[in-house]
Amino acid sequence: FNQAIAAGAIVLSPVTDYEYGYRRGELKDPFGHHW
């Protein structure tokens, strides 16, 4: 996640641990795709 941000992605939601068993963060790449 941090590597992608350093490369130019935009944070949509920071990395968070969820009680249903996933650690996840959302970002948008420079071309507009959500990851």
All heavy atoms as atom14 arrays in JSON, in Angstrom:
{
  "sequence": "FNQAIAAGAIVLSPVTDYEYGYRRGELKDPFGHHW",
  "atom14_mask": [
    [1, 1, 1, 1, 1, 1, 1, 1, 1, 1, 1, 0, 0, 0],
    [1, 1, 1, 1, 1, 1, 1, 1, 0, 0, 0, 0, 0, 0],
    [1, 1, 1, 1, 1, 1, 1, 1, 1, 0, 0, 0, 0, 0],
    [1, 1, 1, 1, 1, 0, 0, 0, 0, 0, 0, 0, 0, 0],
    [1, 1, 1, 1, 1, 1, 1, 1, 0, 0, 0, 0, 0, 0],
    [1, 1, 1, 1, 1, 0, 0, 0, 0, 0, 0, 0, 0, 0],
    [1, 1, 1, 1, 1, 0, 0, 0, 0, 0, 0, 0, 0, 0],
    [1, 1, 1, 1, 0, 0, 0, 0, 0, 0, 0, 0, 0, 0],
    [1, 1, 1, 1, 1, 0, 0, 0, 0, 0, 0, 0, 0, 0],
    [1, 1, 1, 1, 1, 1, 1, 1, 0, 0, 0, 0, 0, 0],
    [1, 1, 1, 1, 1, 1, 1, 0, 0, 0, 0, 0, 0, 0],
    [1, 1, 1, 1, 1, 1, 1, 1, 0, 0, 0, 0, 0, 0],
    [1, 1, 1, 1, 1, 1, 0, 0, 0, 0, 0, 0, 0, 0],
    [1, 1, 1, 1, 1, 1, 1, 0, 0, 0, 0, 0, 0, 0],
    [1, 1, 1, 1, 1, 1, 1, 0, 0, 0, 0, 0, 0, 0],
    [1, 1, 1, 1, 1, 1, 1, 0, 0, 0, 0, 0, 0, 0],
    [1, 1, 1, 1, 1, 1, 1, 1, 0, 0, 0, 0, 0, 0],
    [1, 1, 1, 1, 1, 1, 1, 1, 1, 1, 1, 1, 0, 0],
    [1, 1, 1, 1, 1, 1, 1, 1, 1, 0, 0, 0, 0, 0],
    [1, 1, 1, 1, 1, 1, 1, 1, 1, 1, 1, 1, 0, 0],
    [1, 1, 1, 1, 0, 0, 0, 0, 0, 0, 0, 0, 0, 0],
    [1, 1, 1, 1, 1, 1, 1, 1, 1, 1, 1, 1, 0, 0],
    [1, 1, 1, 1, 1, 1, 1, 1, 1, 1, 1, 0, 0, 0],
    [1, 1, 1, 1, 1, 1, 1, 1, 1, 1, 1, 0, 0, 0],
    [1, 1, 1, 1, 0, 0, 0, 0, 0, 0, 0, 0, 0, 0],
    [1, 1, 1, 1, 1, 1, 1, 1, 1, 0, 0, 0, 0, 0],
    [1, 1, 1, 1, 1, 1, 1, 1, 0, 0, 0, 0, 0, 0],
    [1, 1, 1, 1, 1, 1, 1, 1, 1, 0, 0, 0, 0, 0],
    [1, 1, 1, 1, 1, 1, 1, 1, 0, 0, 0, 0, 0, 0],
    [1, 1, 1, 1, 1, 1, 1, 0, 0, 0, 0, 0, 0, 0],
    [1, 1, 1, 1, 1, 1, 1, 1, 1, 1, 1, 0, 0, 0],
    [1, 1, 1, 1, 0, 0, 0, 0, 0, 0, 0, 0, 0, 0],
    [1, 1, 1, 1, 1, 1, 1, 1, 1, 1, 0, 0, 0, 0],
    [1, 1, 1, 1, 1, 1, 1, 1, 1, 1, 0, 0, 0, 0],
    [1, 1, 1, 1, 1, 1, 1, 1, 1, 1, 1, 1, 1, 1]
  ],
  "atom14_positions": [
    [[0.84, -1.21, 0.0], [0.0, 0.0, 0.0], [0.87, 1.25, 0.0], [0.69, 2.15, -0.83], [-0.92, -0.02, 1.22], [-2.01, 1.0, 1.2], [-3.21, 0.75, 0.55], [-1.86, 2.21, 1.85], [-4.23, 1.69, 0.54], [-2.87, 3.16, 1.85], [-4.06, 2.89, 1.19], [0.0, 0.0, 0.0], [0.0, 0.0, 0.0], [0.0, 0.0, 0.0]],
    [[1.85, 1.3, 0.91], [2.73, 2.47, 0.99], [3.58, 2.64, -0.26], [3.84, 3.76, -0.7], [3.6, 2.38, 2.25], [2.8, 2.54, 3.52], [1.72, 3.13, 3.52], [3.3, 1.99, 4.61], [0.0, 0.0, 0.0], [0.0, 0.0, 0.0], [0.0, 0.0, 0.0], [0.0, 0.0, 0.0], [0.0, 0.0, 0.0], [0.0, 0.0, 0.0]],
    [[4.01, 1.53, -0.83], [4.79, 1.57, -2.08], [3.95, 2.15, -3.21], [4.43, 2.95, -4.02], [5.21, 0.13, -2.41], [6.25, -0.02, -3.46], [6.73, -1.47, -3.51], [7.3, -1.97, -2.54], [6.48, -2.13, -4.62], [0.0, 0.0, 0.0], [0.0, 0.0, 0.0], [0.0, 0.0, 0.0], [0.0, 0.0, 0.0], [0.0, 0.0, 0.0]],
    [[2.67, 1.77, -3.27], [1.77, 2.3, -4.31], [1.54, 3.8, -4.11], [1.52, 4.56, -5.08], [0.45, 1.55, -4.29], [0.0, 0.0, 0.0], [0.0, 0.0, 0.0], [0.0, 0.0, 0.0], [0.0, 0.0, 0.0], [0.0, 0.0, 0.0], [0.0, 0.0, 0.0], [0.0, 0.0, 0.0], [0.0, 0.0, 0.0], [0.0, 0.0, 0.0]],
    [[1.39, 4.23, -2.88], [1.19, 5.66, -2.59], [2.44, 6.44, -3.0], [2.36, 7.48, -3.64], [0.85, 5.88, -1.1], [-0.46, 5.17, -0.74], [0.78, 7.38, -0.77], [-1.64, 5.48, -1.62], [0.0, 0.0, 0.0], [0.0, 0.0, 0.0], [0.0, 0.0, 0.0], [0.0, 0.0, 0.0], [0.0, 0.0, 0.0], [0.0, 0.0, 0.0]],
    [[3.6, 5.91, -2.66], [4.86, 6.57, -3.03], [5.02, 6.64, -4.55], [5.64, 7.57, -5.07], [6.05, 5.84, -2.41], [0.0, 0.0, 0.0], [0.0, 0.0, 0.0], [0.0, 0.0, 0.0], [0.0, 0.0, 0.0], [0.0, 0.0, 0.0], [0.0, 0.0, 0.0], [0.0, 0.0, 0.0], [0.0, 0.0, 0.0], [0.0, 0.0, 0.0]],
    [[4.43, 5.69, -5.27], [4.52, 5.66, -6.74], [3.5, 6.56, -7.42], [3.53, 6.73, -8.63], [4.36, 4.23, -7.24], [0.0, 0.0, 0.0], [0.0, 0.0, 0.0], [0.0, 0.0, 0.0], [0.0, 0.0, 0.0], [0.0, 0.0, 0.0], [0.0, 0.0, 0.0], [0.0, 0.0, 0.0], [0.0, 0.0, 0.0], [0.0, 0.0, 0.0]],
    [[2.57, 7.14, -6.63], [1.62, 8.09, -7.21], [0.16, 7.76, -7.03], [-0.7, 8.48, -7.53], [0.0, 0.0, 0.0], [0.0, 0.0, 0.0], [0.0, 0.0, 0.0], [0.0, 0.0, 0.0], [0.0, 0.0, 0.0], [0.0, 0.0, 0.0], [0.0, 0.0, 0.0], [0.0, 0.0, 0.0], [0.0, 0.0, 0.0], [0.0, 0.0, 0.0]],
    [[-0.17, 6.68, -6.31], [-1.57, 6.36, -6.06], [-2.15, 7.31, -5.01], [-1.42, 7.94, -4.25], [-1.7, 4.92, -5.57], [0.0, 0.0, 0.0], [0.0, 0.0, 0.0], [0.0, 0.0, 0.0], [0.0, 0.0, 0.0], [0.0, 0.0, 0.0], [0.0, 0.0, 0.0], [0.0, 0.0, 0.0], [0.0, 0.0, 0.0], [0.0, 0.0, 0.0]],
    [[-3.46, 7.4, -4.98], [-4.18, 8.25, -4.03], [-4.94, 7.36, -3.05], [-5.62, 6.42, -3.46], [-5.18, 9.18, -4.77], [-4.41, 10.12, -5.69], [-6.06, 9.94, -3.79], [-5.3, 10.89, -6.64], [0.0, 0.0, 0.0], [0.0, 0.0, 0.0], [0.0, 0.0, 0.0], [0.0, 0.0, 0.0], [0.0, 0.0, 0.0], [0.0, 0.0, 0.0]],
    [[-4.83, 7.66, -1.76], [-5.52, 6.88, -0.73], [-7.03, 7.14, -0.81], [-7.46, 8.3, -0.77], [-5.02, 7.25, 0.68], [-5.83, 6.52, 1.74], [-3.54, 6.94, 0.83], [0.0, 0.0, 0.0], [0.0, 0.0, 0.0], [0.0, 0.0, 0.0], [0.0, 0.0, 0.0], [0.0, 0.0, 0.0], [0.0, 0.0, 0.0], [0.0, 0.0, 0.0]],
    [[-7.8, 6.07, -0.93], [-9.25, 6.17, -0.85], [-9.72, 5.81, 0.55], [-10.65, 6.41, 1.08], [-9.93, 5.27, -1.89], [-9.62, 5.62, -3.34], [-10.26, 4.6, -4.28], [-10.11, 7.02, -3.68], [0.0, 0.0, 0.0], [0.0, 0.0, 0.0], [0.0, 0.0, 0.0], [0.0, 0.0, 0.0], [0.0, 0.0, 0.0], [0.0, 0.0, 0.0]],
    [[-9.08, 4.8, 1.15], [-9.29, 4.49, 2.57], [-8.01, 3.83, 3.08], [-7.42, 2.98, 2.39], [-10.51, 3.6, 2.8], [-10.34, 2.33, 2.24], [0.0, 0.0, 0.0], [0.0, 0.0, 0.0], [0.0, 0.0, 0.0], [0.0, 0.0, 0.0], [0.0, 0.0, 0.0], [0.0, 0.0, 0.0], [0.0, 0.0, 0.0], [0.0, 0.0, 0.0]],
    [[-7.57, 4.23, 4.27], [-6.3, 3.71, 4.79], [-6.4, 2.23, 5.15], [-7.5, 1.67, 5.29], [-6.05, 4.56, 6.03], [-7.4, 5.02, 6.44], [-8.21, 5.15, 5.19], [0.0, 0.0, 0.0], [0.0, 0.0, 0.0], [0.0, 0.0, 0.0], [0.0, 0.0, 0.0], [0.0, 0.0, 0.0], [0.0, 0.0, 0.0], [0.0, 0.0, 0.0]],
    [[-5.25, 1.61, 5.31], [-5.22, 0.2, 5.72], [-5.84, 0.06, 7.1], [-5.48, 0.78, 8.02], [-3.77, -0.34, 5.71], [-3.72, -1.77, 6.27], [-3.18, -0.29, 4.31], [0.0, 0.0, 0.0], [0.0, 0.0, 0.0], [0.0, 0.0, 0.0], [0.0, 0.0, 0.0], [0.0, 0.0, 0.0], [0.0, 0.0, 0.0], [0.0, 0.0, 0.0]],
    [[-6.78, -0.84, 7.2], [-7.53, -1.07, 8.44], [-7.74, -2.56, 8.62], [-7.95, -3.28, 7.64], [-8.91, -0.36, 8.38], [-8.7, 1.03, 8.11], [-9.69, -0.51, 9.66], [0.0, 0.0, 0.0], [0.0, 0.0, 0.0], [0.0, 0.0, 0.0], [0.0, 0.0, 0.0], [0.0, 0.0, 0.0], [0.0, 0.0, 0.0], [0.0, 0.0, 0.0]],
    [[-7.72, -3.03, 9.86], [-8.07, -4.41, 10.18], [-9.57, -4.46, 10.47], [-10.08, -3.65, 11.26], [-7.31, -4.91, 11.4], [-5.84, -5.15, 11.13], [-5.43, -5.06, 9.94], [-5.1, -5.44, 12.08], [0.0, 0.0, 0.0], [0.0, 0.0, 0.0], [0.0, 0.0, 0.0], [0.0, 0.0, 0.0], [0.0, 0.0, 0.0], [0.0, 0.0, 0.0]],
    [[-10.24, -5.41, 9.84], [-11.69, -5.56, 10.03], [-11.97, -6.83, 10.81], [-11.27, -7.83, 10.67], [-12.4, -5.6, 8.67], [-12.33, -4.27, 7.97], [-11.29, -3.98, 7.1], [-13.29, -3.29, 8.2], [-11.21, -2.75, 6.46], [-13.22, -2.06, 7.58], [-12.17, -1.79, 6.71], [-12.08, -0.57, 6.09], [0.0, 0.0, 0.0], [0.0, 0.0, 0.0]],
    [[-13.03, -6.79, 11.64], [-13.36, -7.91, 12.52], [-13.74, -9.18, 11.76], [-13.72, -10.26, 12.3], [-14.49, -7.52, 13.49], [-15.82, -7.24, 12.85], [-15.97, -5.81, 12.33], [-15.05, -4.99, 12.49], [-17.03, -5.53, 11.75], [0.0, 0.0, 0.0], [0.0, 0.0, 0.0], [0.0, 0.0, 0.0], [0.0, 0.0, 0.0], [0.0, 0.0, 0.0]],
    [[-14.05, -9.06, 10.48], [-14.4, -10.24, 9.69], [-13.16, -10.93, 9.11], [-13.27, -11.88, 8.34], [-15.4, -9.91, 8.59], [-15.02, -8.77, 7.68], [-14.17, -8.96, 6.6], [-15.53, -7.49, 7.91], [-13.81, -7.91, 5.77], [-15.18, -6.44, 7.08], [-14.33, -6.65, 6.02], [-13.99, -5.62, 5.2], [0.0, 0.0, 0.0], [0.0, 0.0, 0.0]],
    [[-11.98, -10.47, 9.51], [-10.77, -11.21, 9.19], [-9.95, -10.71, 8.02], [-9.12, -11.45, 7.49], [0.0, 0.0, 0.0], [0.0, 0.0, 0.0], [0.0, 0.0, 0.0], [0.0, 0.0, 0.0], [0.0, 0.0, 0.0], [0.0, 0.0, 0.0], [0.0, 0.0, 0.0], [0.0, 0.0, 0.0], [0.0, 0.0, 0.0], [0.0, 0.0, 0.0]],
    [[-10.14, -9.46, 7.6], [-9.33, -8.91, 6.51], [-8.64, -7.63, 6.94], [-9.2, -6.82, 7.68], [-10.2, -8.6, 5.28], [-10.49, -9.83, 4.46], [-11.49, -10.71, 4.84], [-9.75, -10.11, 3.32], [-11.75, -11.85, 4.09], [-10.02, -11.24, 2.57], [-11.02, -12.11, 2.96], [-11.26, -13.24, 2.23], [0.0, 0.0, 0.0], [0.0, 0.0, 0.0]],
    [[-7.42, -7.48, 6.47], [-6.69, -6.21, 6.56], [-6.7, -5.66, 5.15], [-6.31, -6.33, 4.21], [-5.26, -6.47, 7.02], [-4.36, -5.24, 6.96], [-3.0, -5.52, 7.58], [-3.2, -5.82, 8.98], [-2.6, -6.83, 9.63], [-1.75, -7.62, 9.0], [-2.85, -7.04, 10.9], [0.0, 0.0, 0.0], [0.0, 0.0, 0.0], [0.0, 0.0, 0.0]],
    [[-7.17, -4.42, 4.99], [-7.28, -3.88, 3.64], [-7.22, -2.37, 3.62], [-7.58, -1.7, 4.58], [-8.56, -4.37, 2.98], [-9.81, -4.08, 3.78], [-11.06, -4.61, 3.15], [-11.5, -3.65, 2.14], [-12.38, -3.9, 1.2], [-12.95, -5.07, 1.11], [-12.72, -2.99, 0.34], [0.0, 0.0, 0.0], [0.0, 0.0, 0.0], [0.0, 0.0, 0.0]],
    [[-6.74, -1.86, 2.5], [-6.74, -0.43, 2.23], [-7.09, -0.23, 0.77], [-6.83, -1.1, -0.06], [0.0, 0.0, 0.0], [0.0, 0.0, 0.0], [0.0, 0.0, 0.0], [0.0, 0.0, 0.0], [0.0, 0.0, 0.0], [0.0, 0.0, 0.0], [0.0, 0.0, 0.0], [0.0, 0.0, 0.0], [0.0, 0.0, 0.0], [0.0, 0.0, 0.0]],
    [[-7.72, 0.89, 0.46], [-8.14, 1.16, -0.92], [-7.42, 2.38, -1.47], [-7.2, 3.35, -0.77], [-9.65, 1.4, -0.98], [-10.45, 0.17, -0.57], [-11.94, 0.37, -0.7], [-12.39, 1.04, -1.67], [-12.66, -0.13, 0.17], [0.0, 0.0, 0.0], [0.0, 0.0, 0.0], [0.0, 0.0, 0.0], [0.0, 0.0, 0.0], [0.0, 0.0, 0.0]],
    [[-7.06, 2.28, -2.76], [-6.37, 3.39, -3.41], [-6.81, 3.51, -4.86], [-7.44, 2.62, -5.41], [-4.85, 3.21, -3.31], [-4.24, 1.9, -3.78], [-3.96, 1.93, -5.28], [-2.95, 1.65, -3.02], [0.0, 0.0, 0.0], [0.0, 0.0, 0.0], [0.0, 0.0, 0.0], [0.0, 0.0, 0.0], [0.0, 0.0, 0.0], [0.0, 0.0, 0.0]],
    [[-6.47, 4.64, -5.45], [-6.74, 4.9, -6.87], [-5.4, 5.1, -7.56], [-4.59, 5.92, -7.12], [-7.63, 6.12, -7.03], [-7.96, 6.44, -8.49], [-9.06, 7.48, -8.64], [-8.67, 8.81, -8.12], [-9.62, 9.87, -8.49], [0.0, 0.0, 0.0], [0.0, 0.0, 0.0], [0.0, 0.0, 0.0], [0.0, 0.0, 0.0], [0.0, 0.0, 0.0]],
    [[-5.18, 4.35, -8.64], [-3.91, 4.49, -9.37], [-3.95, 5.73, -10.26], [-5.0, 6.37, -10.4], [-3.56, 3.2, -10.12], [-4.37, 2.92, -11.37], [-4.92, 3.85, -11.99], [-4.43, 1.74, -11.77], [0.0, 0.0, 0.0], [0.0, 0.0, 0.0], [0.0, 0.0, 0.0], [0.0, 0.0, 0.0], [0.0, 0.0, 0.0], [0.0, 0.0, 0.0]],
    [[-2.82, 6.14, -10.82], [-2.77, 7.36, -11.62], [-3.67, 7.36, -12.85], [-3.95, 8.41, -13.42], [-1.3, 7.46, -12.04], [-0.55, 6.7, -11.01], [-1.47, 5.58, -10.62], [0.0, 0.0, 0.0], [0.0, 0.0, 0.0], [0.0, 0.0, 0.0], [0.0, 0.0, 0.0], [0.0, 0.0, 0.0], [0.0, 0.0, 0.0], [0.0, 0.0, 0.0]],
    [[-4.16, 6.18, -13.26], [-5.04, 6.09, -14.42], [-6.52, 6.06, -14.01], [-7.4, 5.97, -14.86], [-4.68, 4.87, -15.26], [-3.24, 4.9, -15.7], [-2.3, 4.1, -15.09], [-2.83, 5.77, -16.7], [-0.97, 4.15, -15.48], [-1.49, 5.84, -17.09], [-0.57, 5.02, -16.47], [0.0, 0.0, 0.0], [0.0, 0.0, 0.0], [0.0, 0.0, 0.0]],
    [[-6.78, 6.1, -12.69], [-8.15, 6.16, -12.18], [-8.74, 4.83, -11.74], [-9.88, 4.79, -11.29], [0.0, 0.0, 0.0], [0.0, 0.0, 0.0], [0.0, 0.0, 0.0], [0.0, 0.0, 0.0], [0.0, 0.0, 0.0], [0.0, 0.0, 0.0], [0.0, 0.0, 0.0], [0.0, 0.0, 0.0], [0.0, 0.0, 0.0], [0.0, 0.0, 0.0]],
    [[-7.97, 3.74, -11.84], [-8.48, 2.44, -11.42], [-8.39, 2.29, -9.9], [-7.4, 2.69, -9.29], [-7.7, 1.3, -12.1], [-7.82, 1.34, -13.59], [-8.97, 0.97, -14.25], [-6.95, 1.71, -14.55], [-8.79, 1.11, -15.55], [-7.57, 1.57, -15.76], [0.0, 0.0, 0.0], [0.0, 0.0, 0.0], [0.0, 0.0, 0.0], [0.0, 0.0, 0.0]],
    [[-9.44, 1.69, -9.31], [-9.47, 1.47, -7.86], [-8.87, 0.11, -7.54], [-9.17, -0.89, -8.21], [-10.9, 1.52, -7.34], [-11.5, 2.88, -7.39], [-12.68, 3.2, -6.78], [-11.08, 4.03, -7.97], [-12.96, 4.48, -7.0], [-12.0, 4.99, -7.72], [0.0, 0.0, 0.0], [0.0, 0.0, 0.0], [0.0, 0.0, 0.0], [0.0, 0.0, 0.0]],
    [[-8.05, 0.07, -6.49], [-7.4, -1.16, -6.03], [-7.7, -1.34, -4.55], [-7.7, -0.38, -3.78], [-5.89, -1.06, -6.2], [-5.42, -1.03, -7.61], [-5.49, 0.03, -8.48], [-4.82, -2.09, -8.33], [-4.97, -0.33, -9.69], [-4.54, -1.63, -9.63], [-4.48, -3.41, -8.0], [-3.94, -2.43, -10.6], [-3.88, -4.2, -8.95], [-3.62, -3.71, -10.24]]
  ]
}
